[in-house]
PDB file of N, CA and C in Angstrom:
ATOM      1  N   MET A   1      -8.269  -9.718  10.957  1.00  0.00           N
ATOM      2  CA  MET A   1      -8.136 -10.576   9.817  1.00  0.00           C
ATOM      3  C   MET A   1      -8.716  -9.918   8.560  1.00  0.00           C
ATOM      4  N   ARG A   2      -9.718  -9.067   8.729  1.00  0.00           N
ATOM      5  CA  ARG A   2     -10.341  -8.474   7.549  1.00  0.00           C
ATOM      6  C   ARG A   2      -9.394  -7.519   6.832  1.00  0.00           C
ATOM      7  N   TYR A   3      -8.421  -6.979   7.534  1.00  0.00           N
ATOM      8  CA  TYR A   3      -7.482  -6.048   6.906  1.00  0.00           C
ATOM      9  C   TYR A   3      -6.559  -6.757   5.923  1.00  0.00           C
ATOM     10  N   ILE A   4      -6.318  -8.038   6.135  1.00  0.00           N
ATOM     11  CA  ILE A   4      -5.484  -8.798   5.210  1.00  0.00           C
ATOM     12  C   ILE A   4      -6.152  -8.859   3.843  1.00  0.00           C
ATOM     13  N   GLY A   5      -7.469  -8.963   3.820  1.00  0.00           N
ATOM     14  CA  GLY A   5      -8.190  -8.939   2.556  1.00  0.00           C
ATOM     15  C   GLY A   5      -7.997  -7.632   1.812  1.00  0.00           C
ATOM     16  N   TYR A   6      -8.034  -6.523   2.531  1.00  0.00           N
ATOM     17  CA  TYR A   6      -7.801  -5.214   1.909  1.00  0.00           C
ATOM     18  C   TYR A   6      -6.389  -5.129   1.329  1.00  0.00           C
ATOM     19  N   ILE A   7      -5.436  -5.665   2.061  1.00  0.00           N
ATOM     20  CA  ILE A   7      -4.053  -5.649   1.580  1.00  0.00           C
ATOM     21  C   ILE A   7      -3.930  -6.467   0.301  1.00  0.00           C
ATOM     22  N   GLU A   8      -4.558  -7.627   0.278  1.00  0.00           N
ATOM     23  CA  GLU A   8      -4.493  -8.486  -0.910  1.00  0.00           C
ATOM     24  C   GLU A   8      -5.164  -7.821  -2.113  1.00  0.00           C
ATOM     25  N   ILE A   9      -6.258  -7.107  -1.879  1.00  0.00           N
ATOM     26  CA  ILE A   9      -6.920  -6.378  -2.964  1.00  0.00           C
ATOM     27  C   ILE A   9      -5.995  -5.304  -3.509  1.00  0.00           C
ATOM     28  N   ALA A  10      -5.368  -4.558  -2.617  1.00  0.00           N
ATOM     29  CA  ALA A  10      -4.464  -3.485  -3.047  1.00  0.00           C
ATOM     30  C   ALA A  10      -3.278  -4.038  -3.828  1.00  0.00           C
ATOM     31  N   VAL A  11      -2.725  -5.149  -3.375  1.00  0.00           N
ATOM     32  CA  VAL A  11      -1.597  -5.756  -4.074  1.00  0.00           C
ATOM     33  C   VAL A  11      -2.031  -6.242  -5.458  1.00  0.00           C
ATOM     34  N   GLY A  12      -3.177  -6.882  -5.537  1.00  0.00           N
ATOM     35  CA  GLY A  12      -3.672  -7.372  -6.812  1.00  0.00           C
ATOM     36  C   GLY A  12      -3.940  -6.257  -7.812  1.00  0.00           C
ATOM     37  N   VAL A  13      -4.576  -5.181  -7.343  1.00  0.00           N
ATOM     38  CA  VAL A  13      -4.840  -4.033  -8.223  1.00  0.00           C
ATOM     39  C   VAL A  13      -3.526  -3.389  -8.652  1.00  0.00           C
ATOM     40  N   GLY A  14      -2.592  -3.274  -7.732  1.00  0.00           N
ATOM     41  CA  GLY A  14      -1.294  -2.686  -8.064  1.00  0.00           C
ATOM     42  C   GLY A  14      -0.529  -3.502  -9.085  1.00  0.00           C
ATOM     43  N   LEU A  15      -0.539  -4.817  -8.912  1.00  0.00           N
ATOM     44  CA  LEU A  15       0.154  -5.681  -9.866  1.00  0.00           C
ATOM     45  C   LEU A  15      -0.531  -5.692 -11.229  1.00  0.00           C
ATOM     46  N   GLY A  16      -1.837  -5.507 -11.234  1.00  0.00           N
ATOM     47  CA  GLY A  16      -2.560  -5.491 -12.494  1.00  0.00           C
ATOM     48  C   GLY A  16      -2.473  -4.170 -13.226  1.00  0.00           C
ATOM     49  N   ALA A  17      -2.628  -3.083 -12.501  1.00  0.00           N
ATOM     50  CA  ALA A  17      -2.677  -1.757 -13.126  1.00  0.00           C
ATOM     51  C   ALA A  17      -1.305  -1.098 -13.216  1.00  0.00           C
ATOM     52  N   GLY A  18      -0.376  -1.495 -12.370  1.00  0.00           N
ATOM     53  CA  GLY A  18       0.932  -0.841 -12.309  1.00  0.00           C
ATOM     54  C   GLY A  18       1.710  -0.843 -13.613  1.00  0.00           C
ATOM     55  N   PRO A  19       1.903  -1.987 -14.233  1.00  0.00           N
ATOM     56  CA  PRO A  19       2.660  -1.991 -15.488  1.00  0.00           C
ATOM     57  C   PRO A  19       2.001  -1.183 -16.602  1.00  0.00           C
ATOM     58  N   THR A  20       0.684  -1.254 -16.684  1.00  0.00           N
ATOM     59  CA  THR A  20      -0.025  -0.481 -17.706  1.00  0.00           C
ATOM     60  C   THR A  20       0.112   1.013 -17.447  1.00  0.00           C
ATOM     61  N   LEU A  21      -0.103   1.406 -16.209  1.00  0.00           N
ATOM     62  CA  LEU A  21       0.039   2.819 -15.848  1.00  0.00           C
ATOM     63  C   LEU A  21       1.469   3.291 -16.081  1.00  0.00           C
ATOM     64  N   GLY A  22       2.429   2.481 -15.713  1.00  0.00           N
ATOM     65  CA  GLY A  22       3.827   2.835 -15.925  1.00  0.00           C
ATOM     66  C   GLY A  22       4.168   2.994 -17.390  1.00  0.00           C
ATOM     67  N   ALA A  23       3.653   2.101 -18.221  1.00  0.00           N
ATOM     68  CA  ALA A  23       3.934   2.186 -19.658  1.00  0.00           C
ATOM     69  C   ALA A  23       3.322   3.437 -20.267  1.00  0.00           C
ATOM     70  N   VAL A  24       2.100   3.769 -19.859  1.00  0.00           N
ATOM     71  CA  VAL A  24       1.433   4.960 -20.400  1.00  0.00           C
ATOM     72  C   VAL A  24       2.172   6.223 -19.980  1.00  0.00           C
ATOM     73  N   ILE A  25       2.518   6.306 -18.708  1.00  0.00           N
ATOM     74  CA  ILE A  25       3.191   7.514 -18.214  1.00  0.00           C
ATOM     75  C   ILE A  25       4.590   7.635 -18.819  1.00  0.00           C
ATOM     76  N   SER A  26       5.331   6.529 -18.893  1.00  0.00           N
ATOM     77  CA  SER A  26       6.696   6.623 -19.423  1.00  0.00           C
ATOM     78  C   SER A  26       6.713   6.921 -20.920  1.00  0.00           C
ATOM     79  N   SER A  27       5.658   6.548 -21.632  1.00  0.00           N
ATOM     80  CA  SER A  27       5.614   6.871 -23.062  1.00  0.00           C
ATOM     81  C   SER A  27       5.274   8.341 -23.295  1.00  0.00           C
ATOM     82  N   LYS A  28       4.599   8.974 -22.343  1.00  0.00           N
ATOM     83  CA  LYS A  28       4.197  10.375 -22.489  1.00  0.00           C
ATOM     84  C   LYS A  28       5.192  11.356 -21.872  1.00  0.00           C
ATOM     85  N   CYS A  29       5.981  10.892 -20.915  1.00  0.00           N
ATOM     86  CA  CYS A  29       6.877  11.783 -20.161  1.00  0.00           C
ATOM     87  C   CYS A  29       8.311  11.265 -20.237  1.00  0.00           C
ATOM     88  N   SER A  30       9.238  12.105 -19.813  1.00  0.00           N
ATOM     89  CA  SER A  30      10.626  11.665 -19.733  1.00  0.00           C
ATOM     90  C   SER A  30      10.806  10.762 -18.508  1.00  0.00           C
ATOM     91  N   TYR A  31      11.929  10.109 -18.439  1.00  0.00           N
ATOM     92  CA  TYR A  31      12.223   9.207 -17.324  1.00  0.00           C
ATOM     93  C   TYR A  31      12.183   9.957 -15.994  1.00  0.00           C
ATOM     94  N   GLU A  32      12.745  11.155 -15.965  1.00  0.00           N
ATOM     95  CA  GLU A  32      12.798  11.937 -14.732  1.00  0.00           C
ATOM     96  C   GLU A  32      11.394  12.287 -14.239  1.00  0.00           C
ATOM     97  N   VAL A  33      10.538  12.729 -15.134  1.00  0.00           N
ATOM     98  CA  VAL A  33       9.163  13.083 -14.749  1.00  0.00           C
ATOM     99  C   VAL A  33       8.409  11.845 -14.271  1.00  0.00           C
ATOM    100  N   THR A  34       8.654  10.720 -14.931  1.00  0.00           N
ATOM    101  CA  THR A  34       8.011   9.468 -14.519  1.00  0.00           C
ATOM    102  C   THR A  34       8.373   9.119 -13.075  1.00  0.00           C
ATOM    103  N   MET A  35       9.636   9.277 -12.722  1.00  0.00           N
ATOM    104  CA  MET A  35      10.071   8.974 -11.358  1.00  0.00           C
ATOM    105  C   MET A  35       9.453   9.942 -10.343  1.00  0.00           C
ATOM    106  N   TYR A  36       9.313  11.209 -10.703  1.00  0.00           N
ATOM    107  CA  TYR A  36       8.656  12.173  -9.810  1.00  0.00           C
ATOM    108  C   TYR A  36       7.183  11.816  -9.610  1.00  0.00           C
ATOM    109  N   ILE A  37       6.526  11.392 -10.674  1.00  0.00           N
ATOM    110  CA  ILE A  37       5.112  11.015 -10.561  1.00  0.00           C
ATOM    111  C   ILE A  37       4.953   9.810  -9.638  1.00  0.00           C
ATOM    112  N   PHE A  38       5.781   8.799  -9.824  1.00  0.00           N
ATOM    113  CA  PHE A  38       5.655   7.615  -8.979  1.00  0.00           C
ATOM    114  C   PHE A  38       6.131   7.878  -7.547  1.00  0.00           C
ATOM    115  N   GLY A  39       7.065   8.797  -7.377  1.00  0.00           N
ATOM    116  CA  GLY A  39       7.435   9.214  -6.020  1.00  0.00           C
ATOM    117  C   GLY A  39       6.271   9.885  -5.316  1.00  0.00           C
ATOM    118  N   ALA A  40       5.544  10.725  -6.054  1.00  0.00           N
ATOM    119  CA  ALA A  40       4.362  11.383  -5.485  1.00  0.00           C
ATOM    120  C   ALA A  40       3.276  10.358  -5.155  1.00  0.00           C
ATOM    121  N   LEU A  41       3.078   9.372  -6.015  1.00  0.00           N
ATOM    122  CA  LEU A  41       2.097   8.320  -5.736  1.00  0.00           C
ATOM    123  C   LEU A  41       2.478   7.524  -4.488  1.00  0.00           C
ATOM    124  N   ASN A  42       3.757   7.241  -4.321  1.00  0.00           N
ATOM    125  CA  ASN A  42       4.210   6.544  -3.110  1.00  0.00           C
ATOM    126  C   ASN A  42       3.975   7.383  -1.866  1.00  0.00           C
ATOM    127  N   THR A  43       4.188   8.688  -1.973  1.00  0.00           N
ATOM    128  CA  THR A  43       3.941   9.578  -0.838  1.00  0.00           C
ATOM    129  C   THR A  43       2.458   9.590  -0.473  1.00  0.00           C
ATOM    130  N   VAL A  44       1.595   9.624  -1.472  1.00  0.00           N
ATOM    131  CA  VAL A  44       0.151   9.573  -1.217  1.00  0.00           C
ATOM    132  C   VAL A  44      -0.216   8.254  -0.538  1.00  0.00           C
ATOM    133  N   GLY A  45       0.369   7.153  -1.002  1.00  0.00           N
ATOM    134  CA  GLY A  45       0.120   5.861  -0.367  1.00  0.00           C
ATOM    135  C   GLY A  45       0.591   5.817   1.077  1.00  0.00           C
ATOM    136  N   LEU A  46       1.754   6.407   1.337  1.00  0.00           N
ATOM    137  CA  LEU A  46       2.273   6.460   2.706  1.00  0.00           C
ATOM    138  C   LEU A  46       1.336   7.257   3.612  1.00  0.00           C
ATOM    139  N   LEU A  47       0.895   8.409   3.142  1.00  0.00           N
ATOM    140  CA  LEU A  47      -0.021   9.229   3.940  1.00  0.00           C
ATOM    141  C   LEU A  47      -1.353   8.520   4.169  1.00  0.00           C
ATOM    142  N   ALA A  48      -1.842   7.820   3.154  1.00  0.00           N
ATOM    143  CA  ALA A  48      -3.082   7.057   3.321  1.00  0.00           C
ATOM    144  C   ALA A  48      -2.907   5.990   4.397  1.00  0.00           C
ATOM    145  N   CYS A  49      -1.765   5.306   4.400  1.00  0.00           N
ATOM    146  CA  CYS A  49      -1.506   4.284   5.422  1.00  0.00           C
ATOM    147  C   CYS A  49      -1.434   4.902   6.815  1.00  0.00           C
ATOM    148  N   ILE A  50      -0.767   6.031   6.925  1.00  0.00           N
ATOM    149  CA  ILE A  50      -0.612   6.675   8.230  1.00  0.00           C
ATOM    150  C   ILE A  50      -1.966   7.057   8.814  1.00  0.00           C
ATOM    151  N   PHE A  51      -2.848   7.598   7.977  1.00  0.00           N
ATOM    152  CA  PHE A  51      -4.112   8.105   8.489  1.00  0.00           C
ATOM    153  C   PHE A  51      -5.238   7.083   8.492  1.00  0.00           C
ATOM    154  N   MET A  52      -5.118   5.996   7.753  1.00  0.00           N
ATOM    155  CA  MET A  52      -6.227   5.052   7.640  1.00  0.00           C
ATOM    156  C   MET A  52      -6.047   3.767   8.431  1.00  0.00           C
ATOM    157  N   ILE A  53      -4.817   3.418   8.791  1.00  0.00           N
ATOM    158  CA  ILE A  53      -4.612   2.185   9.559  1.00  0.00           C
ATOM    159  C   ILE A  53      -5.088   2.414  10.985  1.00  0.00           C
ATOM    160  N   PRO A  54      -5.978   1.568  11.483  1.00  0.00           N
ATOM    161  CA  PRO A  54      -6.507   1.750  12.836  1.00  0.00           C
ATOM    162  C   PRO A  54      -5.416   1.623  13.891  1.00  0.00           C
ATOM    163  N   GLY A  55      -5.542   2.415  14.949  1.00  0.00           N
ATOM    164  CA  GLY A  55      -4.565   2.396  16.023  1.00  0.00           C
ATOM    165  C   GLY A  55      -4.476   1.063  16.732  1.00  0.00           C
ATOM    166  N   GLU A  56      -5.560   0.294  16.713  1.00  0.00           N
ATOM    167  CA  GLU A  56      -5.553  -1.001  17.406  1.00  0.00           C
ATOM    168  C   GLU A  56      -4.572  -1.978  16.780  1.00  0.00           C
ATOM    169  N   LEU A  57      -4.225  -1.769  15.514  1.00  0.00           N
ATOM    170  CA  LEU A  57      -3.254  -2.650  14.874  1.00  0.00           C
ATOM    171  C   LEU A  57      -1.837  -2.335  15.309  1.00  0.00           C
ATOM    172  N   ASN A  58      -1.625  -1.197  15.930  1.00  0.00           N
ATOM    173  CA  ASN A  58      -0.295  -0.814  16.381  1.00  0.00           C
ATOM    174  C   ASN A  58      -0.020  -1.232  17.818  1.00  0.00           C
ATOM    175  N   MET A  59      -0.997  -1.785  18.499  1.00  0.00           N
ATOM    176  CA  MET A  59      -0.810  -2.199  19.886  1.00  0.00           C
ATOM    177  C   MET A  59      -0.158  -3.571  19.944  1.00  0.00           C
ATOM    178  N   SER A  60       0.659  -3.765  20.961  1.00  0.00           N
ATOM    179  CA  SER A  60       1.269  -5.075  21.179  1.00  0.00           C
ATOM    180  C   SER A  60       0.263  -5.985  21.869  1.00  0.00           C
ATOM    181  N   ALA A  61       0.296  -7.230  21.523  1.00  0.00           N
ATOM    182  CA  ALA A  61      -0.589  -8.206  22.149  1.00  0.00           C
ATOM    183  C   ALA A  61       0.058  -8.725  23.428  1.00  0.00           C
ATOM    184  N   SER A  62      -0.771  -8.961  24.435  1.00  0.00           N
ATOM    185  CA  SER A  62      -0.256  -9.534  25.676  1.00  0.00           C
ATOM    186  C   SER A  62      -0.014 -11.026  25.459  1.00  0.00           C
ATOM    187  N   GLU A  63       0.680 -11.648  26.375  1.00  0.00           N
ATOM    188  CA  GLU A  63       0.966 -13.070  26.241  1.00  0.00           C
ATOM    189  C   GLU A  63      -0.317 -13.903  26.275  1.00  0.00           C
ATOM    190  N   GLU A  64      -1.323 -13.450  27.044  1.00  0.00           N
ATOM    191  CA  GLU A  64      -2.583 -14.167  27.101  1.00  0.00           C
ATOM    192  C   GLU A  64      -3.315 -14.118  25.755  1.00  0.00           C
ATOM    193  N   GLU A  65      -3.279 -12.954  25.095  1.00  0.00           N
ATOM    194  CA  GLU A  65      -3.930 -12.804  23.803  1.00  0.00           C
ATOM    195  C   GLU A  65      -3.243 -13.672  22.740  1.00  0.00           C
ATOM    196  N   VAL A  66      -1.926 -13.741  22.817  1.00  0.00           N
ATOM    197  CA  VAL A  66      -1.187 -14.564  21.859  1.00  0.00           C
ATOM    198  C   VAL A  66      -1.517 -16.033  22.094  1.00  0.00           C
ATOM    199  N   ALA A  67      -1.629 -16.440  23.348  1.00  0.00           N
ATOM    200  CA  ALA A  67      -1.955 -17.834  23.679  1.00  0.00           C
ATOM    201  C   ALA A  67      -3.352 -18.184  23.187  1.00  0.00           C
ATOM    202  N   GLU A  68      -4.298 -17.234  23.246  1.00  0.00           N
ATOM    203  CA  GLU A  68      -5.670 -17.488  22.761  1.00  0.00           C
ATOM    204  C   GLU A  68      -5.680 -17.702  21.253  1.00  0.00           C
ATOM    205  N   ILE A  69      -4.851 -16.982  20.534  1.00  0.00           N
ATOM    206  CA  ILE A  69      -4.815 -17.095  19.087  1.00  0.00           C
ATOM    207  C   ILE A  69      -4.230 -18.442  18.670  1.00  0.00           C
ATOM    208  N   GLU A  70      -3.195 -18.866  19.368  1.00  0.00           N
ATOM    209  CA  GLU A  70      -2.528 -20.130  19.032  1.00  0.00           C
ATOM    210  C   GLU A  70      -3.381 -21.257  19.515  1.00  0.00           C
TER     211      GLU A  70
END
């Protein structure tokens, strides 16, 4: 459950800082360079997710575990 809080923080920061960062970068660079920069940022985010998400979140829950949660 604690990981949901981290996700919400990341979404909130992204929604808050994203438009400002996008406006600054697009005003300084061409459209093509802006897309390359944000593509690189997405790649960094993907790699961070791959290496930082705990393996226990990738396991399937047994029927008993699901019944305990409900």
